[in-house]
């Protein structure tokens, strides 16, 4: 069994899902990265004696729109703090009848519809030389996902053990025609933030998993009120405790497990993915 202190968990909280009260002994730390400032201060503390770092994806006052989130700075900052894992929460719209508002989805795939976001740390700058062609067949850490699924099951929270997230640029919601198209593509849920966060975490060699909370049926469902900010916030307020409870239970379980093989595997994948400049 790994020592508890060998695991450090970064938590990126989405809209309405970034309550710092889940951490004990909190301190704030403002940092700079080679890619600029993260969304807000890093909140450093513990969850049941496990070192954790919480970061509000959109800033604590929710002032940063999805396109303008500095995803590279956020992931880099958590990596620099020594995080071995990143657990994230995200609100999302459901594109499937059986994923009801209030349900939790443990994501396993994504479809990228963003257009304006840097998706790599290897951007030709001096920080990291070369070009990284990171494989993305399995974007999320399967071992971490299994813990989240097991915890949700034991807690009696209605969950879906897999799901494909389609990430749109935003900040607008989809048209009805787009919503129907995404359903035809096989997407299960829709949001504005999974990409490039999950891609960057993989480049950073961090075990990344996402707890997606369905808040609405986007706008495809007939006789159902179309998605709106009011509706999203209402559902989040009623259901945010689900994500929090999963995190509080899953993090000690993750810390008690052995992660050496997973970390080594990710490092090897990254090494094989980077094409260095010719000397």
C-alpha atoms as a PDB file:
ATOM      1  CA  UNK A   1       0.000   0.000   0.000  1.00  0.00           C
ATOM      2  CA  UNK A   2       1.335   3.437  -0.950  1.00  0.00           C
ATOM      3  CA  UNK A   3       1.976   6.018   1.738  1.00  0.00           C
ATOM      4  CA  UNK A   4      -0.842   8.552   2.033  1.00  0.00           C
ATOM      5  CA  UNK A   5       1.488  11.482   1.415  1.00  0.00           C
ATOM      6  CA  UNK A   6       2.673  10.019  -1.920  1.00  0.00           C
ATOM      7  CA  UNK A   7      -0.651  10.979  -3.491  1.00  0.00           C
ATOM      8  CA  UNK A   8      -1.593  14.617  -3.869  1.00  0.00           C
ATOM      9  CA  UNK A   9      -4.953  15.465  -5.410  1.00  0.00           C
ATOM     10  CA  UNK A  10      -5.709  18.563  -7.428  1.00  0.00           C
ATOM     11  CA  UNK A  11      -9.388  19.460  -7.548  1.00  0.00           C
ATOM     12  CA  UNK A  12     -10.657  21.735 -10.309  1.00  0.00           C
ATOM     13  CA  UNK A  13     -14.121  22.927  -9.437  1.00  0.00           C
ATOM     14  CA  UNK A  14     -16.589  23.919 -12.128  1.00  0.00           C
ATOM     15  CA  UNK A  15     -19.538  26.286 -11.962  1.00  0.00           C
ATOM     16  CA  UNK A  16     -21.164  26.005  -8.543  1.00  0.00           C
ATOM     17  CA  UNK A  17     -18.933  23.050  -7.688  1.00  0.00           C
ATOM     18  CA  UNK A  18     -15.867  24.726  -6.203  1.00  0.00           C
ATOM     19  CA  UNK A  19     -16.650  25.031  -2.492  1.00  0.00           C
ATOM     20  CA  UNK A  20     -13.367  25.516  -0.561  1.00  0.00           C
ATOM     21  CA  UNK A  21     -15.025  24.347   2.675  1.00  0.00           C
ATOM     22  CA  UNK A  22     -14.290  20.742   1.719  1.00  0.00           C
ATOM     23  CA  UNK A  23     -10.628  21.366   2.633  1.00  0.00           C
ATOM     24  CA  UNK A  24      -9.295  21.391   6.198  1.00  0.00           C
ATOM     25  CA  UNK A  25      -6.509  23.763   7.274  1.00  0.00           C
ATOM     26  CA  UNK A  26      -6.793  25.904   4.169  1.00  0.00           C
ATOM     27  CA  UNK A  27      -4.136  28.316   2.961  1.00  0.00           C
ATOM     28  CA  UNK A  28      -4.096  30.364  -0.237  1.00  0.00           C
ATOM     29  CA  UNK A  29      -1.204  30.516  -2.670  1.00  0.00           C
ATOM     30  CA  UNK A  30      -0.994  32.763  -5.721  1.00  0.00           C
ATOM     31  CA  UNK A  31       1.392  31.457  -8.366  1.00  0.00           C
ATOM     32  CA  UNK A  32       2.726  32.311 -11.805  1.00  0.00           C
ATOM     33  CA  UNK A  33       3.479  29.747 -14.507  1.00  0.00           C
ATOM     34  CA  UNK A  34       5.341  29.906 -17.836  1.00  0.00           C
ATOM     35  CA  UNK A  35       1.858  30.114 -19.365  1.00  0.00           C
ATOM     36  CA  UNK A  36       0.582  32.944 -17.193  1.00  0.00           C
ATOM     37  CA  UNK A  37      -1.606  33.035 -14.102  1.00  0.00           C
ATOM     38  CA  UNK A  38      -4.055  30.282 -13.147  1.00  0.00           C
ATOM     39  CA  UNK A  39      -7.732  31.119 -12.797  1.00  0.00           C
ATOM     40  CA  UNK A  40      -7.363  31.999  -9.111  1.00  0.00           C
ATOM     41  CA  UNK A  41      -5.371  31.248  -5.991  1.00  0.00           C
ATOM     42  CA  UNK A  42      -4.520  27.645  -5.238  1.00  0.00           C
ATOM     43  CA  UNK A  43      -6.358  26.634  -2.057  1.00  0.00           C
ATOM     44  CA  UNK A  44      -4.089  24.188  -0.268  1.00  0.00           C
ATOM     45  CA  UNK A  45      -5.356  21.913   2.486  1.00  0.00           C
ATOM     46  CA  UNK A  46      -6.320  18.359   3.363  1.00  0.00           C
ATOM     47  CA  UNK A  47      -9.243  16.003   2.936  1.00  0.00           C
ATOM     48  CA  UNK A  48      -9.114  13.284   5.602  1.00  0.00           C
ATOM     49  CA  UNK A  49      -5.342  13.727   5.900  1.00  0.00           C
ATOM     50  CA  UNK A  50      -4.740  13.643   2.132  1.00  0.00           C
ATOM     51  CA  UNK A  51      -2.932  16.656   0.663  1.00  0.00           C
ATOM     52  CA  UNK A  52      -5.171  18.466  -1.813  1.00  0.00           C
ATOM     53  CA  UNK A  53      -5.091  21.614  -3.937  1.00  0.00           C
ATOM     54  CA  UNK A  54      -8.370  23.220  -4.986  1.00  0.00           C
ATOM     55  CA  UNK A  55      -8.673  25.592  -7.938  1.00  0.00           C
ATOM     56  CA  UNK A  56     -11.833  27.342  -9.154  1.00  0.00           C
ATOM     57  CA  UNK A  57     -11.848  26.856 -12.927  1.00  0.00           C
ATOM     58  CA  UNK A  58     -13.712  30.098 -13.648  1.00  0.00           C
ATOM     59  CA  UNK A  59     -12.251  32.036 -10.708  1.00  0.00           C
ATOM     60  CA  UNK A  60     -13.932  32.199  -7.320  1.00  0.00           C
ATOM     61  CA  UNK A  61     -16.223  34.990  -8.494  1.00  0.00           C
ATOM     62  CA  UNK A  62     -16.992  33.107 -11.740  1.00  0.00           C
ATOM     63  CA  UNK A  63     -15.584  35.883 -13.907  1.00  0.00           C
ATOM     64  CA  UNK A  64     -13.741  33.820 -16.538  1.00  0.00           C
ATOM     65  CA  UNK A  65     -15.711  32.516 -19.510  1.00  0.00           C
ATOM     66  CA  UNK A  66     -14.895  28.999 -20.797  1.00  0.00           C
ATOM     67  CA  UNK A  67     -12.818  30.176 -23.766  1.00  0.00           C
ATOM     68  CA  UNK A  68     -10.682  32.448 -21.583  1.00  0.00           C
ATOM     69  CA  UNK A  69      -9.874  29.935 -18.830  1.00  0.00           C
ATOM     70  CA  UNK A  70      -6.088  29.551 -18.772  1.00  0.00           C
ATOM     71  CA  UNK A  71      -6.182  25.761 -18.876  1.00  0.00           C
ATOM     72  CA  UNK A  72      -2.434  25.437 -19.394  1.00  0.00           C
ATOM     73  CA  UNK A  73      -1.623  27.600 -16.372  1.00  0.00           C
ATOM     74  CA  UNK A  74      -4.173  25.715 -14.240  1.00  0.00           C
ATOM     75  CA  UNK A  75      -2.804  22.252 -15.033  1.00  0.00           C
ATOM     76  CA  UNK A  76       0.829  23.422 -14.895  1.00  0.00           C
ATOM     77  CA  UNK A  77       0.272  24.986 -11.467  1.00  0.00           C
ATOM     78  CA  UNK A  78      -1.220  21.759 -10.090  1.00  0.00           C
ATOM     79  CA  UNK A  79       1.622  19.729 -11.597  1.00  0.00           C
ATOM     80  CA  UNK A  80       4.174  22.093 -10.043  1.00  0.00           C
ATOM     81  CA  UNK A  81       2.466  21.681  -6.662  1.00  0.00           C
ATOM     82  CA  UNK A  82       3.138  17.954  -6.952  1.00  0.00           C
ATOM     83  CA  UNK A  83      -0.370  16.734  -7.776  1.00  0.00           C
ATOM     84  CA  UNK A  84      -0.418  13.130  -8.945  1.00  0.00           C
ATOM     85  CA  UNK A  85      -4.149  13.254  -9.640  1.00  0.00           C
ATOM     86  CA  UNK A  86      -6.656  15.810 -10.847  1.00  0.00           C
ATOM     87  CA  UNK A  87     -10.313  15.248 -10.036  1.00  0.00           C
ATOM     88  CA  UNK A  88     -12.647  17.735 -11.650  1.00  0.00           C
ATOM     89  CA  UNK A  89     -16.302  18.613 -11.510  1.00  0.00           C
ATOM     90  CA  UNK A  90     -18.298  20.038 -14.364  1.00  0.00           C
ATOM     91  CA  UNK A  91     -21.885  20.967 -15.003  1.00  0.00           C
ATOM     92  CA  UNK A  92     -23.224  19.600 -18.279  1.00  0.00           C
ATOM     93  CA  UNK A  93     -26.309  19.227 -20.410  1.00  0.00           C
ATOM     94  CA  UNK A  94     -27.748  15.787 -21.097  1.00  0.00           C
ATOM     95  CA  UNK A  95     -28.112  14.572 -24.672  1.00  0.00           C
ATOM     96  CA  UNK A  96     -29.685  11.254 -23.673  1.00  0.00           C
ATOM     97  CA  UNK A  97     -33.131  10.509 -22.278  1.00  0.00           C
ATOM     98  CA  UNK A  98     -31.791   8.255 -19.537  1.00  0.00           C
ATOM     99  CA  UNK A  99     -29.274  10.815 -18.222  1.00  0.00           C
ATOM    100  CA  UNK A 100     -31.593  12.906 -16.117  1.00  0.00           C
ATOM    101  CA  UNK A 101     -30.888  16.269 -14.475  1.00  0.00           C
ATOM    102  CA  UNK A 102     -29.156  15.511 -11.178  1.00  0.00           C
ATOM    103  CA  UNK A 103     -27.423  12.366 -12.488  1.00  0.00           C
ATOM    104  CA  UNK A 104     -23.655  11.953 -12.215  1.00  0.00           C
ATOM    105  CA  UNK A 105     -21.690  10.839 -15.276  1.00  0.00           C
ATOM    106  CA  UNK A 106     -18.136   9.494 -14.937  1.00  0.00           C
ATOM    107  CA  UNK A 107     -16.737  10.482 -18.329  1.00  0.00           C
ATOM    108  CA  UNK A 108     -14.628   8.147 -20.458  1.00  0.00           C
ATOM    109  CA  UNK A 109     -14.520   9.888 -23.863  1.00  0.00           C
ATOM    110  CA  UNK A 110     -14.831  13.317 -25.436  1.00  0.00           C
ATOM    111  CA  UNK A 111     -15.574  14.998 -28.757  1.00  0.00           C
ATOM    112  CA  UNK A 112     -13.858  18.342 -29.258  1.00  0.00           C
ATOM    113  CA  UNK A 113     -15.781  21.203 -30.857  1.00  0.00           C
ATOM    114  CA  UNK A 114     -13.613  24.001 -29.474  1.00  0.00           C
ATOM    115  CA  UNK A 115     -11.719  26.280 -31.854  1.00  0.00           C
ATOM    116  CA  UNK A 116      -9.762  28.883 -29.879  1.00  0.00           C
ATOM    117  CA  UNK A 117      -7.826  27.076 -27.148  1.00  0.00           C
ATOM    118  CA  UNK A 118      -4.166  26.021 -26.897  1.00  0.00           C
ATOM    119  CA  UNK A 119      -4.160  22.255 -26.314  1.00  0.00           C
ATOM    120  CA  UNK A 120      -0.487  21.553 -25.672  1.00  0.00           C
ATOM    121  CA  UNK A 121       2.379  22.693 -23.470  1.00  0.00           C
ATOM    122  CA  UNK A 122       4.736  21.980 -26.374  1.00  0.00           C
ATOM    123  CA  UNK A 123       3.990  25.120 -28.362  1.00  0.00           C
ATOM    124  CA  UNK A 124       7.451  25.878 -29.743  1.00  0.00           C
ATOM    125  CA  UNK A 125       8.436  27.985 -26.744  1.00  0.00           C
ATOM    126  CA  UNK A 126      11.555  27.534 -24.661  1.00  0.00           C
ATOM    127  CA  UNK A 127       9.655  25.905 -21.801  1.00  0.00           C
ATOM    128  CA  UNK A 128       9.207  22.470 -23.376  1.00  0.00           C
ATOM    129  CA  UNK A 129      11.045  21.785 -26.655  1.00  0.00           C
ATOM    130  CA  UNK A 130       9.602  19.617 -29.388  1.00  0.00           C
ATOM    131  CA  UNK A 131       6.145  18.673 -30.598  1.00  0.00           C
ATOM    132  CA  UNK A 132       3.901  16.384 -28.553  1.00  0.00           C
ATOM    133  CA  UNK A 133       1.507  14.011 -30.323  1.00  0.00           C
ATOM    134  CA  UNK A 134      -0.120  12.648 -27.170  1.00  0.00           C
ATOM    135  CA  UNK A 135      -2.410   9.633 -27.786  1.00  0.00           C
ATOM    136  CA  UNK A 136      -5.984  10.283 -26.766  1.00  0.00           C
ATOM    137  CA  UNK A 137      -7.696   6.923 -27.318  1.00  0.00           C
ATOM    138  CA  UNK A 138      -8.371   6.732 -23.572  1.00  0.00           C
ATOM    139  CA  UNK A 139      -8.384  10.337 -22.350  1.00  0.00           C
ATOM    140  CA  UNK A 140      -9.386   9.700 -18.726  1.00  0.00           C
ATOM    141  CA  UNK A 141      -7.515   7.611 -16.149  1.00  0.00           C
ATOM    142  CA  UNK A 142      -9.369   4.292 -16.002  1.00  0.00           C
ATOM    143  CA  UNK A 143      -8.091   3.387 -12.537  1.00  0.00           C
ATOM    144  CA  UNK A 144      -9.251   6.707 -11.066  1.00  0.00           C
ATOM    145  CA  UNK A 145     -12.589   6.395 -12.872  1.00  0.00           C
ATOM    146  CA  UNK A 146     -13.114   2.972 -11.284  1.00  0.00           C
ATOM    147  CA  UNK A 147     -12.737   4.515  -7.834  1.00  0.00           C
ATOM    148  CA  UNK A 148     -15.311   7.232  -8.613  1.00  0.00           C
ATOM    149  CA  UNK A 149     -17.762   4.654  -9.967  1.00  0.00           C
ATOM    150  CA  UNK A 150     -17.295   2.386  -6.955  1.00  0.00           C
ATOM    151  CA  UNK A 151     -17.823   5.306  -4.558  1.00  0.00           C
ATOM    152  CA  UNK A 152     -20.944   6.578  -6.338  1.00  0.00           C
ATOM    153  CA  UNK A 153     -22.385   3.064  -6.268  1.00  0.00           C
ATOM    154  CA  UNK A 154     -21.702   2.606  -2.549  1.00  0.00           C
ATOM    155  CA  UNK A 155     -23.156   6.034  -1.735  1.00  0.00           C
ATOM    156  CA  UNK A 156     -26.356   5.230  -3.623  1.00  0.00           C
ATOM    157  CA  UNK A 157     -25.923   8.169  -6.002  1.00  0.00           C
ATOM    158  CA  UNK A 158     -27.462   7.688  -9.435  1.00  0.00           C
ATOM    159  CA  UNK A 159     -24.521   7.510 -11.812  1.00  0.00           C
ATOM    160  CA  UNK A 160     -23.557   6.487 -15.335  1.00  0.00           C
ATOM    161  CA  UNK A 161     -20.293   4.554 -15.498  1.00  0.00           C
ATOM    162  CA  UNK A 162     -19.261   6.047 -18.824  1.00  0.00           C
ATOM    163  CA  UNK A 163     -20.158   8.912 -21.074  1.00  0.00           C
ATOM    164  CA  UNK A 164     -18.901  10.872 -24.055  1.00  0.00           C
ATOM    165  CA  UNK A 165     -18.648  14.602 -23.414  1.00  0.00           C
ATOM    166  CA  UNK A 166     -18.874  16.980 -26.341  1.00  0.00           C
ATOM    167  CA  UNK A 167     -17.115  20.225 -25.484  1.00  0.00           C
ATOM    168  CA  UNK A 168     -18.286  23.307 -27.372  1.00  0.00           C
ATOM    169  CA  UNK A 169     -16.546  26.657 -27.487  1.00  0.00           C
ATOM    170  CA  UNK A 170     -19.310  28.634 -25.796  1.00  0.00           C
ATOM    171  CA  UNK A 171     -20.144  30.783 -24.026  1.00  0.00           C
ATOM    172  CA  UNK A 172     -23.435  30.475 -25.894  1.00  0.00           C
ATOM    173  CA  UNK A 173     -25.534  27.340 -25.583  1.00  0.00           C
ATOM    174  CA  UNK A 174     -26.220  25.151 -28.628  1.00  0.00           C
ATOM    175  CA  UNK A 175     -28.852  25.746 -31.254  1.00  0.00           C
ATOM    176  CA  UNK A 176     -31.521  23.049 -31.406  1.00  0.00           C
ATOM    177  CA  UNK A 177     -30.094  21.822 -34.725  1.00  0.00           C
ATOM    178  CA  UNK A 178     -26.633  21.490 -33.137  1.00  0.00           C
ATOM    179  CA  UNK A 179     -28.085  19.681 -30.149  1.00  0.00           C
ATOM    180  CA  UNK A 180     -29.760  17.124 -32.440  1.00  0.00           C
ATOM    181  CA  UNK A 181     -26.541  16.754 -34.435  1.00  0.00           C
ATOM    182  CA  UNK A 182     -24.488  16.052 -31.324  1.00  0.00           C
ATOM    183  CA  UNK A 183     -26.983  13.350 -30.351  1.00  0.00           C
ATOM    184  CA  UNK A 184     -26.558  11.748 -33.781  1.00  0.00           C
ATOM    185  CA  UNK A 185     -22.795  11.784 -33.249  1.00  0.00           C
ATOM    186  CA  UNK A 186     -23.203   9.639 -30.147  1.00  0.00           C
ATOM    187  CA  UNK A 187     -22.376  12.239 -27.514  1.00  0.00           C
ATOM    188  CA  UNK A 188     -24.017  11.703 -24.118  1.00  0.00           C
ATOM    189  CA  UNK A 189     -23.460  15.056 -22.431  1.00  0.00           C
ATOM    190  CA  UNK A 190     -22.326  18.557 -23.413  1.00  0.00           C
ATOM    191  CA  UNK A 191     -20.219  21.225 -21.709  1.00  0.00           C
ATOM    192  CA  UNK A 192     -17.675  23.966 -22.430  1.00  0.00           C
ATOM    193  CA  UNK A 193     -14.591  22.980 -20.405  1.00  0.00           C
ATOM    194  CA  UNK A 194     -13.481  19.321 -20.613  1.00  0.00           C
ATOM    195  CA  UNK A 195     -11.247  20.111 -23.586  1.00  0.00           C
ATOM    196  CA  UNK A 196      -8.404  21.023 -23.382  1.00  0.00           C
ATOM    197  CA  UNK A 197      -8.187  20.315 -19.636  1.00  0.00           C
ATOM    198  CA  UNK A 198      -8.140  16.522 -20.014  1.00  0.00           C
ATOM    199  CA  UNK A 199      -5.593  16.711 -22.863  1.00  0.00           C
ATOM    200  CA  UNK A 200      -3.202  18.894 -20.880  1.00  0.00           C
ATOM    201  CA  UNK A 201      -3.463  16.652 -17.828  1.00  0.00           C
ATOM    202  CA  UNK A 202      -2.388  13.702 -19.958  1.00  0.00           C
ATOM    203  CA  UNK A 203       0.563  15.688 -21.315  1.00  0.00           C
ATOM    204  CA  UNK A 204       1.477  16.508 -17.724  1.00  0.00           C
ATOM    205  CA  UNK A 205       1.403  12.811 -16.753  1.00  0.00           C
ATOM    206  CA  UNK A 206      -1.401  13.322 -14.233  1.00  0.00           C
ATOM    207  CA  UNK A 207      -4.197  10.832 -13.495  1.00  0.00           C
ATOM    208  CA  UNK A 208      -7.295  12.817 -14.519  1.00  0.00           C
ATOM    209  CA  UNK A 209     -10.966  11.961 -13.996  1.00  0.00           C
ATOM    210  CA  UNK A 210     -14.162  13.978 -14.211  1.00  0.00           C
ATOM    211  CA  UNK A 211     -17.422  13.977 -12.280  1.00  0.00           C
ATOM    212  CA  UNK A 212     -19.975  15.491 -14.653  1.00  0.00           C
ATOM    213  CA  UNK A 213     -23.296  16.605 -13.167  1.00  0.00           C
ATOM    214  CA  UNK A 214     -26.215  16.826 -15.589  1.00  0.00           C
ATOM    215  CA  UNK A 215     -28.260  19.984 -15.054  1.00  0.00           C
ATOM    216  CA  UNK A 216     -30.644  20.029 -18.027  1.00  0.00           C
ATOM    217  CA  UNK A 217     -31.542  18.432 -21.378  1.00  0.00           C
ATOM    218  CA  UNK A 218     -29.748  21.097 -23.453  1.00  0.00           C
ATOM    219  CA  UNK A 219     -32.445  22.101 -25.983  1.00  0.00           C
ATOM    220  CA  UNK A 220     -33.140  18.951 -28.001  1.00  0.00           C
ATOM    221  CA  UNK A 221     -35.939  17.515 -25.863  1.00  0.00           C
ATOM    222  CA  UNK A 222     -39.493  18.401 -26.853  1.00  0.00           C
ATOM    223  CA  UNK A 223     -41.880  19.583 -24.122  1.00  0.00           C
ATOM    224  CA  UNK A 224     -38.898  20.286 -21.887  1.00  0.00           C
ATOM    225  CA  UNK A 225     -37.734  23.742 -20.881  1.00  0.00           C
ATOM    226  CA  UNK A 226     -34.611  24.664 -22.857  1.00  0.00           C
ATOM    227  CA  UNK A 227     -31.349  25.166 -20.995  1.00  0.00           C
ATOM    228  CA  UNK A 228     -30.909  28.498 -19.237  1.00  0.00           C
ATOM    229  CA  UNK A 229     -28.518  29.896 -16.644  1.00  0.00           C
ATOM    230  CA  UNK A 230     -31.306  29.995 -14.036  1.00  0.00           C
ATOM    231  CA  UNK A 231     -32.127  26.361 -14.591  1.00  0.00           C
ATOM    232  CA  UNK A 232     -28.490  25.250 -14.488  1.00  0.00           C
ATOM    233  CA  UNK A 233     -27.860  27.084 -11.207  1.00  0.00           C
ATOM    234  CA  UNK A 234     -31.051  25.737  -9.626  1.00  0.00           C
ATOM    235  CA  UNK A 235     -30.105  22.123 -10.432  1.00  0.00           C
ATOM    236  CA  UNK A 236     -26.523  22.687  -9.282  1.00  0.00           C
ATOM    237  CA  UNK A 237     -27.697  24.086  -5.972  1.00  0.00           C
ATOM    238  CA  UNK A 238     -29.907  21.042  -5.420  1.00  0.00           C
ATOM    239  CA  UNK A 239     -27.254  18.508  -6.440  1.00  0.00           C
ATOM    240  CA  UNK A 240     -23.793  19.953  -5.744  1.00  0.00           C
ATOM    241  CA  UNK A 241     -23.599  17.844  -2.579  1.00  0.00           C
ATOM    242  CA  UNK A 242     -23.386  14.701  -4.749  1.00  0.00           C
ATOM    243  CA  UNK A 243     -20.078  15.696  -6.321  1.00  0.00           C
ATOM    244  CA  UNK A 244     -18.747  16.881  -2.960  1.00  0.00           C
ATOM    245  CA  UNK A 245     -19.677  13.622  -1.237  1.00  0.00           C
ATOM    246  CA  UNK A 246     -18.037  11.574  -3.988  1.00  0.00           C
ATOM    247  CA  UNK A 247     -14.830  13.613  -3.673  1.00  0.00           C
ATOM    248  CA  UNK A 248     -14.720  13.357   0.114  1.00  0.00           C
ATOM    249  CA  UNK A 249     -15.088   9.588  -0.068  1.00  0.00           C
ATOM    250  CA  UNK A 250     -12.971   8.885  -3.157  1.00  0.00           C
ATOM    251  CA  UNK A 251      -9.882  10.923  -2.260  1.00  0.00           C
ATOM    252  CA  UNK A 252      -8.866   8.869   0.825  1.00  0.00           C
ATOM    253  CA  UNK A 253      -9.493   5.703  -1.176  1.00  0.00           C
ATOM    254  CA  UNK A 254      -7.248   6.948  -4.010  1.00  0.00           C
ATOM    255  CA  UNK A 255      -4.541   7.880  -1.491  1.00  0.00           C
ATOM    256  CA  UNK A 256      -4.534   4.361  -0.049  1.00  0.00           C
ATOM    257  CA  UNK A 257      -3.812   2.767  -3.422  1.00  0.00           C
ATOM    258  CA  UNK A 258      -0.552   2.044  -5.244  1.00  0.00           C
ATOM    259  CA  UNK A 259      -0.063   4.307  -8.276  1.00  0.00           C
ATOM    260  CA  UNK A 260       3.551   3.690  -9.291  1.00  0.00           C
ATOM    261  CA  UNK A 261       2.703   1.600 -12.363  1.00  0.00           C
ATOM    262  CA  UNK A 262       0.118   4.109 -13.598  1.00  0.00           C
ATOM    263  CA  UNK A 263       2.518   7.033 -13.225  1.00  0.00           C
ATOM    264  CA  UNK A 264       5.383   5.189 -14.938  1.00  0.00           C
ATOM    265  CA  UNK A 265       3.096   4.169 -17.808  1.00  0.00           C
ATOM    266  CA  UNK A 266       1.997   7.773 -18.353  1.00  0.00           C
ATOM    267  CA  UNK A 267       5.588   9.005 -18.304  1.00  0.00           C
ATOM    268  CA  UNK A 268       6.549   6.395 -20.897  1.00  0.00           C
ATOM    269  CA  UNK A 269       3.622   7.358 -23.132  1.00  0.00           C
ATOM    270  CA  UNK A 270       4.660  11.010 -22.943  1.00  0.00           C
ATOM    271  CA  UNK A 271       8.304  10.223 -23.771  1.00  0.00           C
ATOM    272  CA  UNK A 272       7.222   8.290 -26.857  1.00  0.00           C
ATOM    273  CA  UNK A 273       4.899  11.114 -27.902  1.00  0.00           C
ATOM    274  CA  UNK A 274       7.386  13.985 -28.009  1.00  0.00           C
ATOM    275  CA  UNK A 275       9.331  14.612 -31.205  1.00  0.00           C
ATOM    276  CA  UNK A 276      12.381  16.648 -30.224  1.00  0.00           C
ATOM    277  CA  UNK A 277      14.018  19.165 -32.584  1.00  0.00           C
ATOM    278  CA  UNK A 278      16.782  17.752 -34.772  1.00  0.00           C
ATOM    279  CA  UNK A 279      20.227  18.563 -33.441  1.00  0.00           C
END
